Amino acid sequence: MTLQQMEYIVAVYRYRHFANAAEQCGVTQPTLSAMIQKLEKELGVKIFERSSQQVTPTAIGKLVVEQAWKVLSRANKIKDIVAEEQHSLNGSFRIGILPTIAPYLLPRFFTKLEKENPGIDFHIIEMKTADIKKALNRGVLDAAIAVRLDELEAFNQTSLYYEQFIAYVAETDPLFNNKNIKTSDLGNEFLWLLDEGHCFRDQLVKFCDLKSATESKSKYSLGSIETFMRMVENGQGVTFIPELALSQLSDKQMRLVRPFALPIPVRDVVLLTTKTFVRHSMAELIIKSVKDNVPQSMLTYNNTEQRI
């Protein structure tokens, strides 16, 4: 059993496709298939069920792959330890990021970060929180940009900035005439909300005590803040946007923006790493780059805000 064979079975598990897994691993499909068959023969178990339409892991195969993930993660940690000892800012670095953060934060800093650090091969992957947790634990990600949550206490969470939740209100909605939005105003509103599992949605539902939060979900299964903004702009309901989105809005769109009344709900955007993370030089580079490229007012938490 070799690390290479473990890499191959993890790739097949992730892509559920031998050709795509082989391409990811930089080998031919026959080579990858032969190495996996050799491992199956050595272990005396079938790791994958193969058919013309799909590749699925067997019950024992899932356990084998999960263990292989852990072994590969620990093996890669050796390279990370050496790189950190040498204060190296080279090699690959994989970052997960929430879909409700990526479109508003990445344009601010990421292109500049890549240009200034040509030796680093960054990989950015949009994921929900639950998928980020799994990917960090398996070593698929090196770090993630997410939101501070109690369920993430098993990870290191380094604050990057504090971001307000902002209401976005249709011109035909009664709340359009309000200067700000109270949570009590939202009880009878039609709300455009993300699907469950997006912490942006879950935090708002909890903060605003939105008992009717399932209404939009029962009618519309959508997962994009931008889509909801277009619906509001065309005259229906209320949605919510993150503070960083404001800089991307036109004057016409800014007319639909309404802040929350005090206390203002905010989310603590953090850099997330495992407790065994060792590439601190790389993490500090990312932290500094983010903080240098968001408004200074968002770097501190004040008493008019309520973290949710």
C-alpha atoms as a PDB file:
ATOM      1  CA  MET A   1       0.000   0.000   0.000  1.00  0.00           C
ATOM      2  CA  THR A   2       1.480   3.351  -1.063  1.00  0.00           C
ATOM      3  CA  LEU A   3       0.644   7.029  -0.623  1.00  0.00           C
ATOM      4  CA  GLN A   4       0.139   7.182  -4.379  1.00  0.00           C
ATOM      5  CA  GLN A   5      -2.543   4.500  -4.250  1.00  0.00           C
ATOM      6  CA  MET A   6      -4.244   6.375  -1.420  1.00  0.00           C
ATOM      7  CA  GLU A   7      -4.173   9.551  -3.501  1.00  0.00           C
ATOM      8  CA  TYR A   8      -5.837   7.684  -6.362  1.00  0.00           C
ATOM      9  CA  ILE A   9      -8.701   6.228  -4.322  1.00  0.00           C
ATOM     10  CA  VAL A  10      -9.373   9.608  -2.688  1.00  0.00           C
ATOM     11  CA  ALA A  11      -9.502  11.237  -6.131  1.00  0.00           C
ATOM     12  CA  VAL A  12     -11.946   8.633  -7.447  1.00  0.00           C
ATOM     13  CA  TYR A  13     -14.089   9.061  -4.345  1.00  0.00           C
ATOM     14  CA  ARG A  14     -14.194  12.825  -4.843  1.00  0.00           C
ATOM     15  CA  TYR A  15     -14.892  12.843  -8.573  1.00  0.00           C
ATOM     16  CA  ARG A  16     -16.878   9.582  -8.823  1.00  0.00           C
ATOM     17  CA  HIS A  17     -15.213   9.199 -12.223  1.00  0.00           C
ATOM     18  CA  PHE A  18     -12.001   7.379 -13.135  1.00  0.00           C
ATOM     19  CA  ALA A  19     -11.031   9.597 -16.091  1.00  0.00           C
ATOM     20  CA  ASN A  20     -11.534  12.834 -14.135  1.00  0.00           C
ATOM     21  CA  ALA A  21      -9.650  11.411 -11.148  1.00  0.00           C
ATOM     22  CA  ALA A  22      -6.770  10.347 -13.388  1.00  0.00           C
ATOM     23  CA  GLU A  23      -6.585  13.819 -14.936  1.00  0.00           C
ATOM     24  CA  GLN A  24      -6.511  15.394 -11.474  1.00  0.00           C
ATOM     25  CA  CYS A  25      -3.692  13.052 -10.407  1.00  0.00           C
ATOM     26  CA  GLY A  26      -1.701  13.604 -13.607  1.00  0.00           C
ATOM     27  CA  VAL A  27      -1.736   9.968 -14.781  1.00  0.00           C
ATOM     28  CA  THR A  28      -3.528   7.959 -17.441  1.00  0.00           C
ATOM     29  CA  GLN A  29      -6.809   6.260 -16.615  1.00  0.00           C
ATOM     30  CA  PRO A  30      -5.384   2.733 -17.191  1.00  0.00           C
ATOM     31  CA  THR A  31      -2.543   3.485 -14.753  1.00  0.00           C
ATOM     32  CA  LEU A  32      -4.908   4.765 -12.084  1.00  0.00           C
ATOM     33  CA  SER A  33      -7.316   1.845 -12.533  1.00  0.00           C
ATOM     34  CA  ALA A  34      -4.507  -0.712 -12.380  1.00  0.00           C
ATOM     35  CA  MET A  35      -3.084   0.777  -9.179  1.00  0.00           C
ATOM     36  CA  ILE A  36      -6.498   0.780  -7.491  1.00  0.00           C
ATOM     37  CA  GLN A  37      -7.155  -2.817  -8.553  1.00  0.00           C
ATOM     38  CA  LYS A  38      -3.762  -3.762  -7.136  1.00  0.00           C
ATOM     39  CA  LEU A  39      -4.690  -2.133  -3.815  1.00  0.00           C
ATOM     40  CA  GLU A  40      -8.061  -3.900  -3.757  1.00  0.00           C
ATOM     41  CA  LYS A  41      -6.323  -7.215  -4.349  1.00  0.00           C
ATOM     42  CA  GLU A  42      -3.807  -6.505  -1.568  1.00  0.00           C
ATOM     43  CA  LEU A  43      -6.574  -5.599   0.910  1.00  0.00           C
ATOM     44  CA  GLY A  44      -8.902  -8.358  -0.244  1.00  0.00           C
ATOM     45  CA  VAL A  45     -11.870  -5.976  -0.554  1.00  0.00           C
ATOM     46  CA  LYS A  46     -13.621  -4.059  -3.309  1.00  0.00           C
ATOM     47  CA  ILE A  47     -13.299  -0.313  -2.714  1.00  0.00           C
ATOM     48  CA  PHE A  48     -15.503   0.841  -5.599  1.00  0.00           C
ATOM     49  CA  GLU A  49     -18.489  -0.533  -7.453  1.00  0.00           C
ATOM     50  CA  ARG A  50     -17.994   0.211 -11.136  1.00  0.00           C
ATOM     51  CA  SER A  51     -20.695   0.580 -13.799  1.00  0.00           C
ATOM     52  CA  SER A  52     -20.984   2.303 -17.150  1.00  0.00           C
ATOM     53  CA  GLN A  53     -22.908   5.157 -15.538  1.00  0.00           C
ATOM     54  CA  GLN A  54     -21.309   5.776 -12.160  1.00  0.00           C
ATOM     55  CA  VAL A  55     -18.622   4.852  -9.658  1.00  0.00           C
ATOM     56  CA  THR A  56     -19.735   4.411  -6.059  1.00  0.00           C
ATOM     57  CA  PRO A  57     -17.737   3.379  -2.984  1.00  0.00           C
ATOM     58  CA  THR A  58     -18.658   0.190  -1.192  1.00  0.00           C
ATOM     59  CA  ALA A  59     -19.424   0.295   2.530  1.00  0.00           C
ATOM     60  CA  ILE A  60     -15.899  -0.895   3.385  1.00  0.00           C
ATOM     61  CA  GLY A  61     -14.564   1.341   0.622  1.00  0.00           C
ATOM     62  CA  LYS A  62     -15.869   4.448   2.393  1.00  0.00           C
ATOM     63  CA  LEU A  63     -13.962   3.460   5.527  1.00  0.00           C
ATOM     64  CA  VAL A  64     -10.783   2.794   3.541  1.00  0.00           C
ATOM     65  CA  VAL A  65     -11.014   6.153   1.754  1.00  0.00           C
ATOM     66  CA  GLU A  66     -11.674   8.026   5.000  1.00  0.00           C
ATOM     67  CA  GLN A  67      -8.549   6.521   6.554  1.00  0.00           C
ATOM     68  CA  ALA A  68      -6.531   7.232   3.405  1.00  0.00           C
ATOM     69  CA  TRP A  69      -7.600  10.879   3.649  1.00  0.00           C
ATOM     70  CA  LYS A  70      -6.230  11.059   7.186  1.00  0.00           C
ATOM     71  CA  VAL A  71      -2.933   9.417   6.191  1.00  0.00           C
ATOM     72  CA  LEU A  72      -2.459  11.776   3.226  1.00  0.00           C
ATOM     73  CA  SER A  73      -3.249  14.771   5.422  1.00  0.00           C
ATOM     74  CA  ARG A  74      -0.591  13.739   7.936  1.00  0.00           C
ATOM     75  CA  ALA A  75       1.940  13.019   5.196  1.00  0.00           C
ATOM     76  CA  ASN A  76       1.383  16.452   3.665  1.00  0.00           C
ATOM     77  CA  LYS A  77       1.863  17.971   7.103  1.00  0.00           C
ATOM     78  CA  ILE A  78       5.550  17.004   6.895  1.00  0.00           C
ATOM     79  CA  LYS A  79       5.980  19.270   3.872  1.00  0.00           C
ATOM     80  CA  ASP A  80       4.064  22.028   5.641  1.00  0.00           C
ATOM     81  CA  ILE A  81       6.334  21.825   8.700  1.00  0.00           C
ATOM     82  CA  VAL A  82       9.436  22.149   6.532  1.00  0.00           C
ATOM     83  CA  ALA A  83       7.938  25.039   4.538  1.00  0.00           C
ATOM     84  CA  GLU A  84       7.007  26.910   7.720  1.00  0.00           C
ATOM     85  CA  GLU A  85      10.442  26.347   9.252  1.00  0.00           C
ATOM     86  CA  GLN A  86      11.972  27.896   6.127  1.00  0.00           C
ATOM     87  CA  HIS A  87       9.366  30.727   6.176  1.00  0.00           C
ATOM     88  CA  SER A  88       8.509  29.689   2.637  1.00  0.00           C
ATOM     89  CA  LEU A  89       5.736  31.420   0.742  1.00  0.00           C
ATOM     90  CA  ASN A  90       5.747  28.929  -2.107  1.00  0.00           C
ATOM     91  CA  GLY A  91       3.760  25.882  -3.109  1.00  0.00           C
ATOM     92  CA  SER A  92       0.027  25.256  -3.226  1.00  0.00           C
ATOM     93  CA  PHE A  93      -2.517  26.594  -0.739  1.00  0.00           C
ATOM     94  CA  ARG A  94      -6.190  25.648  -0.872  1.00  0.00           C
ATOM     95  CA  ILE A  95      -8.761  28.048   0.580  1.00  0.00           C
ATOM     96  CA  GLY A  96     -12.463  27.378   1.050  1.00  0.00           C
ATOM     97  CA  ILE A  97     -14.821  30.344   1.166  1.00  0.00           C
ATOM     98  CA  LEU A  98     -18.534  30.776   1.810  1.00  0.00           C
ATOM     99  CA  PRO A  99     -20.634  31.674  -1.270  1.00  0.00           C
ATOM    100  CA  THR A 100     -22.098  34.634   0.650  1.00  0.00           C
ATOM    101  CA  ILE A 101     -18.596  36.065   1.169  1.00  0.00           C
ATOM    102  CA  ALA A 102     -16.743  35.218  -2.049  1.00  0.00           C
ATOM    103  CA  PRO A 103     -18.325  37.653  -4.586  1.00  0.00           C
ATOM    104  CA  TYR A 104     -17.883  40.650  -2.298  1.00  0.00           C
ATOM    105  CA  LEU A 105     -14.510  39.958  -0.681  1.00  0.00           C
ATOM    106  CA  LEU A 106     -12.401  38.196  -3.320  1.00  0.00           C
ATOM    107  CA  PRO A 107     -12.424  41.057  -5.881  1.00  0.00           C
ATOM    108  CA  ARG A 108     -11.000  43.345  -3.196  1.00  0.00           C
ATOM    109  CA  PHE A 109      -7.790  41.461  -2.505  1.00  0.00           C
ATOM    110  CA  PHE A 110      -7.273  38.185  -4.318  1.00  0.00           C
ATOM    111  CA  THR A 111      -5.912  39.315  -7.708  1.00  0.00           C
ATOM    112  CA  LYS A 112      -3.408  41.584  -5.970  1.00  0.00           C
ATOM    113  CA  LEU A 113      -2.426  38.774  -3.571  1.00  0.00           C
ATOM    114  CA  GLU A 114      -1.685  36.428  -6.478  1.00  0.00           C
ATOM    115  CA  LYS A 115       0.349  39.024  -8.389  1.00  0.00           C
ATOM    116  CA  GLU A 116       2.460  39.850  -5.340  1.00  0.00           C
ATOM    117  CA  ASN A 117       3.086  36.157  -4.533  1.00  0.00           C
ATOM    118  CA  PRO A 118       3.765  34.351  -7.832  1.00  0.00           C
ATOM    119  CA  GLY A 119       5.370  31.427  -6.002  1.00  0.00           C
ATOM    120  CA  ILE A 120       2.067  30.435  -4.369  1.00  0.00           C
ATOM    121  CA  ASP A 121      -0.430  28.340  -6.299  1.00  0.00           C
ATOM    122  CA  PHE A 122      -3.705  29.400  -4.698  1.00  0.00           C
ATOM    123  CA  HIS A 123      -6.848  27.319  -5.146  1.00  0.00           C
ATOM    124  CA  ILE A 124     -10.163  28.900  -4.117  1.00  0.00           C
ATOM    125  CA  ILE A 125     -13.265  26.747  -3.625  1.00  0.00           C
ATOM    126  CA  GLU A 126     -16.757  27.978  -2.689  1.00  0.00           C
ATOM    127  CA  MET A 127     -18.357  25.746  -0.033  1.00  0.00           C
ATOM    128  CA  LYS A 128     -21.035  25.853   2.629  1.00  0.00           C
ATOM    129  CA  THR A 129     -19.938  25.642   6.270  1.00  0.00           C
ATOM    130  CA  ALA A 130     -20.673  21.918   6.655  1.00  0.00           C
ATOM    131  CA  ASP A 131     -18.547  21.091   3.603  1.00  0.00           C
ATOM    132  CA  ILE A 132     -15.744  23.371   4.807  1.00  0.00           C
ATOM    133  CA  LYS A 133     -15.597  21.483   8.123  1.00  0.00           C
ATOM    134  CA  LYS A 134     -15.248  18.140   6.349  1.00  0.00           C
ATOM    135  CA  ALA A 135     -12.675  19.455   3.868  1.00  0.00           C
ATOM    136  CA  LEU A 136     -10.484  20.969   6.604  1.00  0.00           C
ATOM    137  CA  ASN A 137     -10.572  17.777   8.665  1.00  0.00           C
ATOM    138  CA  ARG A 138      -9.688  15.665   5.624  1.00  0.00           C
ATOM    139  CA  GLY A 139      -6.856  17.942   4.532  1.00  0.00           C
ATOM    140  CA  VAL A 140      -8.623  18.866   1.285  1.00  0.00           C
ATOM    141  CA  LEU A 141      -8.403  22.526   2.370  1.00  0.00           C
ATOM    142  CA  ASP A 142      -5.545  24.308   4.113  1.00  0.00           C
ATOM    143  CA  ALA A 143      -7.742  27.133   5.418  1.00  0.00           C
ATOM    144  CA  ALA A 144     -11.132  28.726   4.897  1.00  0.00           C
ATOM    145  CA  ILE A 145     -12.780  32.118   5.045  1.00  0.00           C
ATOM    146  CA  ALA A 146     -16.010  31.581   6.937  1.00  0.00           C
ATOM    147  CA  VAL A 147     -18.120  33.033   9.761  1.00  0.00           C
ATOM    148  CA  ARG A 148     -17.508  32.535  13.474  1.00  0.00           C
ATOM    149  CA  LEU A 149     -19.977  29.959  14.814  1.00  0.00           C
ATOM    150  CA  ASP A 150     -20.218  27.938  18.016  1.00  0.00           C
ATOM    151  CA  GLU A 151     -20.146  24.743  15.947  1.00  0.00           C
ATOM    152  CA  LEU A 152     -16.664  25.672  14.701  1.00  0.00           C
ATOM    153  CA  GLU A 153     -15.004  25.820  18.113  1.00  0.00           C
ATOM    154  CA  ALA A 154     -12.912  22.739  17.226  1.00  0.00           C
ATOM    155  CA  PHE A 155     -11.032  24.974  14.750  1.00  0.00           C
ATOM    156  CA  ASN A 156      -8.858  28.060  15.112  1.00  0.00           C
ATOM    157  CA  GLN A 157     -10.943  31.142  14.211  1.00  0.00           C
ATOM    158  CA  THR A 158      -9.023  34.369  13.530  1.00  0.00           C
ATOM    159  CA  SER A 159     -11.196  37.454  13.024  1.00  0.00           C
ATOM    160  CA  LEU A 160     -10.746  39.243   9.689  1.00  0.00           C
ATOM    161  CA  TYR A 161     -13.554  41.818   9.819  1.00  0.00           C
ATOM    162  CA  TYR A 162     -17.057  42.447  11.181  1.00  0.00           C
ATOM    163  CA  GLU A 163     -19.778  42.787   8.572  1.00  0.00           C
ATOM    164  CA  GLN A 164     -23.258  44.227   9.013  1.00  0.00           C
ATOM    165  CA  PHE A 165     -26.395  42.615   7.603  1.00  0.00           C
ATOM    166  CA  ILE A 166     -28.307  45.097   5.415  1.00  0.00           C
ATOM    167  CA  ALA A 167     -31.954  44.958   4.303  1.00  0.00           C
ATOM    168  CA  TYR A 168     -32.749  45.390   0.592  1.00  0.00           C
ATOM    169  CA  VAL A 169     -36.350  46.533   0.113  1.00  0.00           C
ATOM    170  CA  ALA A 170     -38.556  46.755  -2.983  1.00  0.00           C
ATOM    171  CA  GLU A 171     -39.943  50.229  -3.816  1.00  0.00           C
ATOM    172  CA  THR A 172     -43.492  48.834  -3.657  1.00  0.00           C
ATOM    173  CA  ASP A 173     -42.992  47.369  -0.180  1.00  0.00           C
ATOM    174  CA  PRO A 174     -44.370  49.278   2.861  1.00  0.00           C
ATOM    175  CA  LEU A 175     -40.929  49.088   4.513  1.00  0.00           C
ATOM    176  CA  PHE A 176     -39.452  51.188   1.690  1.00  0.00           C
ATOM    177  CA  ASN A 177     -40.625  54.293   3.554  1.00  0.00           C
ATOM    178  CA  ASN A 178     -38.726  53.308   6.716  1.00  0.00           C
ATOM    179  CA  LYS A 179     -35.307  54.821   7.384  1.00  0.00           C
ATOM    180  CA  ASN A 180     -34.213  51.634   9.120  1.00  0.00           C
ATOM    181  CA  ILE A 181     -35.574  48.156   9.748  1.00  0.00           C
ATOM    182  CA  LYS A 182     -36.591  46.693  13.092  1.00  0.00           C
ATOM    183  CA  THR A 183     -36.792  42.944  13.525  1.00  0.00           C
ATOM    184  CA  SER A 184     -40.441  43.384  14.514  1.00  0.00           C
ATOM    185  CA  ASP A 185     -41.130  44.890  11.060  1.00  0.00           C
ATOM    186  CA  LEU A 186     -40.360  41.604   9.315  1.00  0.00           C
ATOM    187  CA  GLY A 187     -43.065  39.361  10.774  1.00  0.00           C
ATOM    188  CA  ASN A 188     -45.518  39.761   7.870  1.00  0.00           C
ATOM    189  CA  GLU A 189     -43.053  40.437   5.073  1.00  0.00           C
ATOM    190  CA  PHE A 190     -42.363  38.247   2.081  1.00  0.00           C
ATOM    191  CA  LEU A 191     -38.671  37.499   2.507  1.00  0.00           C
ATOM    192  CA  TRP A 192     -36.260  36.224  -0.102  1.00  0.00           C
ATOM    193  CA  LEU A 193     -33.974  33.935   1.907  1.00  0.00           C
ATOM    194  CA  LEU A 194     -31.222  31.498   1.058  1.00  0.00           C
ATOM    195  CA  ASP A 195     -31.758  27.772   1.544  1.00  0.00           C
ATOM    196  CA  GLU A 196     -31.114  26.228   4.936  1.00  0.00           C
ATOM    197  CA  GLY A 197     -27.468  25.375   5.456  1.00  0.00           C
ATOM    198  CA  HIS A 198     -26.279  28.865   4.491  1.00  0.00           C
ATOM    199  CA  CYS A 199     -25.137  30.426   7.760  1.00  0.00           C
ATOM    200  CA  PHE A 200     -26.036  33.876   6.345  1.00  0.00           C
ATOM    201  CA  ARG A 201     -29.688  32.754   6.314  1.00  0.00           C
ATOM    202  CA  ASP A 202     -29.569  30.778   9.548  1.00  0.00           C
ATOM    203  CA  GLN A 203     -28.079  33.676  11.497  1.00  0.00           C
ATOM    204  CA  LEU A 204     -30.722  36.111  10.235  1.00  0.00           C
ATOM    205  CA  VAL A 205     -33.601  33.742  10.990  1.00  0.00           C
ATOM    206  CA  LYS A 206     -32.314  33.340  14.537  1.00  0.00           C
ATOM    207  CA  PHE A 207     -31.630  37.047  15.116  1.00  0.00           C
ATOM    208  CA  CYS A 208     -34.955  38.236  13.676  1.00  0.00           C
ATOM    209  CA  ASP A 209     -36.970  35.317  15.105  1.00  0.00           C
ATOM    210  CA  LEU A 210     -38.470  34.746  11.647  1.00  0.00           C
ATOM    211  CA  LYS A 211     -41.185  32.201  12.283  1.00  0.00           C
ATOM    212  CA  SER A 212     -42.393  32.498   8.670  1.00  0.00           C
ATOM    213  CA  ALA A 213     -38.944  32.005   7.180  1.00  0.00           C
ATOM    214  CA  THR A 214     -40.037  28.885   5.291  1.00  0.00           C
ATOM    215  CA  GLU A 215     -42.448  30.790   3.030  1.00  0.00           C
ATOM    216  CA  SER A 216     -39.957  31.799   0.346  1.00  0.00           C
ATOM    217  CA  LYS A 217     -38.168  28.455   0.591  1.00  0.00           C
ATOM    218  CA  SER A 218     -41.404  26.572  -0.024  1.00  0.00           C
ATOM    219  CA  LYS A 219     -41.988  28.562  -3.235  1.00  0.00           C
ATOM    220  CA  TYR A 220     -38.479  29.177  -4.468  1.00  0.00           C
ATOM    221  CA  SER A 221     -35.406  26.999  -4.082  1.00  0.00           C
ATOM    222  CA  LEU A 222     -32.723  29.526  -4.907  1.00  0.00           C
ATOM    223  CA  GLY A 223     -29.259  29.951  -3.513  1.00  0.00           C
ATOM    224  CA  SER A 224     -27.958  33.308  -4.695  1.00  0.00           C
ATOM    225  CA  ILE A 225     -28.122  36.689  -2.986  1.00  0.00           C
ATOM    226  CA  GLU A 226     -27.739  38.312  -6.409  1.00  0.00           C
ATOM    227  CA  THR A 227     -30.847  36.507  -7.708  1.00  0.00           C
ATOM    228  CA  PHE A 228     -32.868  37.709  -4.732  1.00  0.00           C
ATOM    229  CA  MET A 229     -31.659  41.262  -5.313  1.00  0.00           C
ATOM    230  CA  ARG A 230     -33.004  41.146  -8.875  1.00  0.00           C
ATOM    231  CA  MET A 231     -36.387  39.949  -7.565  1.00  0.00           C
ATOM    232  CA  VAL A 232     -36.536  42.842  -5.089  1.00  0.00           C
ATOM    233  CA  GLU A 233     -35.516  45.310  -7.802  1.00  0.00           C
ATOM    234  CA  ASN A 234     -38.451  44.066  -9.862  1.00  0.00           C
ATOM    235  CA  GLY A 235     -40.867  44.950  -7.115  1.00  0.00           C
ATOM    236  CA  GLN A 236     -41.394  42.187  -4.591  1.00  0.00           C
ATOM    237  CA  GLY A 237     -40.443  41.718  -0.978  1.00  0.00           C
ATOM    238  CA  VAL A 238     -37.307  42.097   1.083  1.00  0.00           C
ATOM    239  CA  THR A 239     -33.959  40.340   1.047  1.00  0.00           C
ATOM    240  CA  PHE A 240     -30.683  40.837   2.916  1.00  0.00           C
ATOM    241  CA  ILE A 241     -27.171  41.590   1.705  1.00  0.00           C
ATOM    242  CA  PRO A 242     -23.737  41.741   3.368  1.00  0.00           C
ATOM    243  CA  GLU A 243     -22.144  45.111   3.997  1.00  0.00           C
ATOM    244  CA  LEU A 244     -19.294  44.596   1.508  1.00  0.00           C
ATOM    245  CA  ALA A 245     -21.881  44.334  -1.277  1.00  0.00           C
ATOM    246  CA  LEU A 246     -22.701  48.046  -0.874  1.00  0.00           C
ATOM    247  CA  SER A 247     -19.613  49.186  -2.770  1.00  0.00           C
ATOM    248  CA  GLN A 248     -20.822  47.255  -5.840  1.00  0.00           C
ATOM    249  CA  LEU A 249     -24.254  48.925  -5.971  1.00  0.00           C
ATOM    250  CA  SER A 250     -25.345  51.707  -8.302  1.00  0.00           C
ATOM    251  CA  ASP A 251     -27.051  54.869  -7.031  1.00  0.00           C
ATOM    252  CA  LYS A 252     -30.391  53.405  -8.124  1.00  0.00           C
ATOM    253  CA  GLN A 253     -29.754  50.211  -6.167  1.00  0.00           C
ATOM    254  CA  MET A 254     -28.603  52.149  -3.087  1.00  0.00           C
ATOM    255  CA  ARG A 255     -32.124  53.623  -2.865  1.00  0.00           C
ATOM    256  CA  LEU A 256     -33.334  50.136  -1.853  1.00  0.00           C
ATOM    257  CA  VAL A 257     -30.840  49.771   0.997  1.00  0.00           C
ATOM    258  CA  ARG A 258     -32.105  50.027   4.560  1.00  0.00           C
ATOM    259  CA  PRO A 259     -29.883  49.474   7.633  1.00  0.00           C
ATOM    260  CA  PHE A 260     -31.125  47.635  10.691  1.00  0.00           C
ATOM    261  CA  ALA A 261     -32.101  49.604  13.772  1.00  0.00           C
ATOM    262  CA  LEU A 262     -29.918  49.184  16.866  1.00  0.00           C
ATOM    263  CA  PRO A 263     -28.530  46.777  17.771  1.00  0.00           C
ATOM    264  CA  ILE A 264     -27.211  46.177  14.250  1.00  0.00           C
ATOM    265  CA  PRO A 265     -26.648  42.481  13.430  1.00  0.00           C
ATOM    266  CA  VAL A 266     -23.116  41.668  12.309  1.00  0.00           C
ATOM    267  CA  ARG A 267     -21.203  38.554  11.370  1.00  0.00           C
ATOM    268  CA  ASP A 268     -17.610  37.924  12.399  1.00  0.00           C
ATOM    269  CA  VAL A 269     -15.776  36.831   9.232  1.00  0.00           C
ATOM    270  CA  VAL A 270     -12.824  34.634  10.175  1.00  0.00           C
ATOM    271  CA  LEU A 271      -9.912  32.680   8.783  1.00  0.00           C
ATOM    272  CA  LEU A 272     -10.559  29.082   9.774  1.00  0.00           C
ATOM    273  CA  THR A 273      -7.791  26.490  10.261  1.00  0.00           C
ATOM    274  CA  THR A 274      -7.430  23.206  12.096  1.00  0.00           C
ATOM    275  CA  LYS A 275      -5.765  23.020  15.514  1.00  0.00           C
ATOM    276  CA  THR A 276      -2.816  21.198  13.881  1.00  0.00           C
ATOM    277  CA  PHE A 277      -2.306  23.876  11.186  1.00  0.00           C
ATOM    278  CA  VAL A 278       1.365  24.857  10.867  1.00  0.00           C
ATOM    279  CA  ARG A 279       1.641  27.201   7.878  1.00  0.00           C
ATOM    280  CA  HIS A 280       1.289  30.344   9.973  1.00  0.00           C
ATOM    281  CA  SER A 281       3.347  32.512   7.598  1.00  0.00           C
ATOM    282  CA  MET A 282       0.844  31.783   4.835  1.00  0.00           C
ATOM    283  CA  ALA A 283      -2.097  32.494   7.136  1.00  0.00           C
ATOM    284  CA  GLU A 284      -0.614  35.831   8.227  1.00  0.00           C
ATOM    285  CA  LEU A 285      -0.150  36.798   4.578  1.00  0.00           C
ATOM    286  CA  ILE A 286      -3.839  36.188   3.865  1.00  0.00           C
ATOM    287  CA  ILE A 287      -5.017  37.907   7.056  1.00  0.00           C
ATOM    288  CA  LYS A 288      -2.980  41.018   6.290  1.00  0.00           C
ATOM    289  CA  SER A 289      -4.135  41.099   2.668  1.00  0.00           C
ATOM    290  CA  VAL A 290      -7.796  40.920   3.653  1.00  0.00           C
ATOM    291  CA  LYS A 291      -7.515  43.524   6.410  1.00  0.00           C
ATOM    292  CA  ASP A 292      -5.631  45.921   4.136  1.00  0.00           C
ATOM    293  CA  ASN A 293      -8.424  45.788   1.564  1.00  0.00           C
ATOM    294  CA  VAL A 294     -11.657  46.100   3.540  1.00  0.00           C
ATOM    295  CA  PRO A 295     -12.919  49.373   5.058  1.00  0.00           C
ATOM    296  CA  GLN A 296     -11.106  50.209   8.279  1.00  0.00           C
ATOM    297  CA  SER A 297     -14.450  50.710  10.014  1.00  0.00           C
ATOM    298  CA  MET A 298     -15.119  46.980   9.602  1.00  0.00           C
ATOM    299  CA  LEU A 299     -12.006  45.866  11.476  1.00  0.00           C
ATOM    300  CA  THR A 300     -13.421  46.576  14.931  1.00  0.00           C
ATOM    301  CA  TYR A 301     -16.558  45.483  16.759  1.00  0.00           C
ATOM    302  CA  ASN A 302     -18.499  48.266  18.515  1.00  0.00           C
ATOM    303  CA  ASN A 303     -21.305  48.480  21.072  1.00  0.00           C
ATOM    304  CA  THR A 304     -23.965  49.449  18.520  1.00  0.00           C
ATOM    305  CA  GLU A 305     -23.601  46.027  16.915  1.00  0.00           C
ATOM    306  CA  GLN A 306     -24.710  42.530  17.915  1.00  0.00           C
ATOM    307  CA  ARG A 307     -22.700  39.583  16.695  1.00  0.00           C
ATOM    308  CA  ILE A 308     -24.942  36.753  15.546  1.00  0.00           C
END
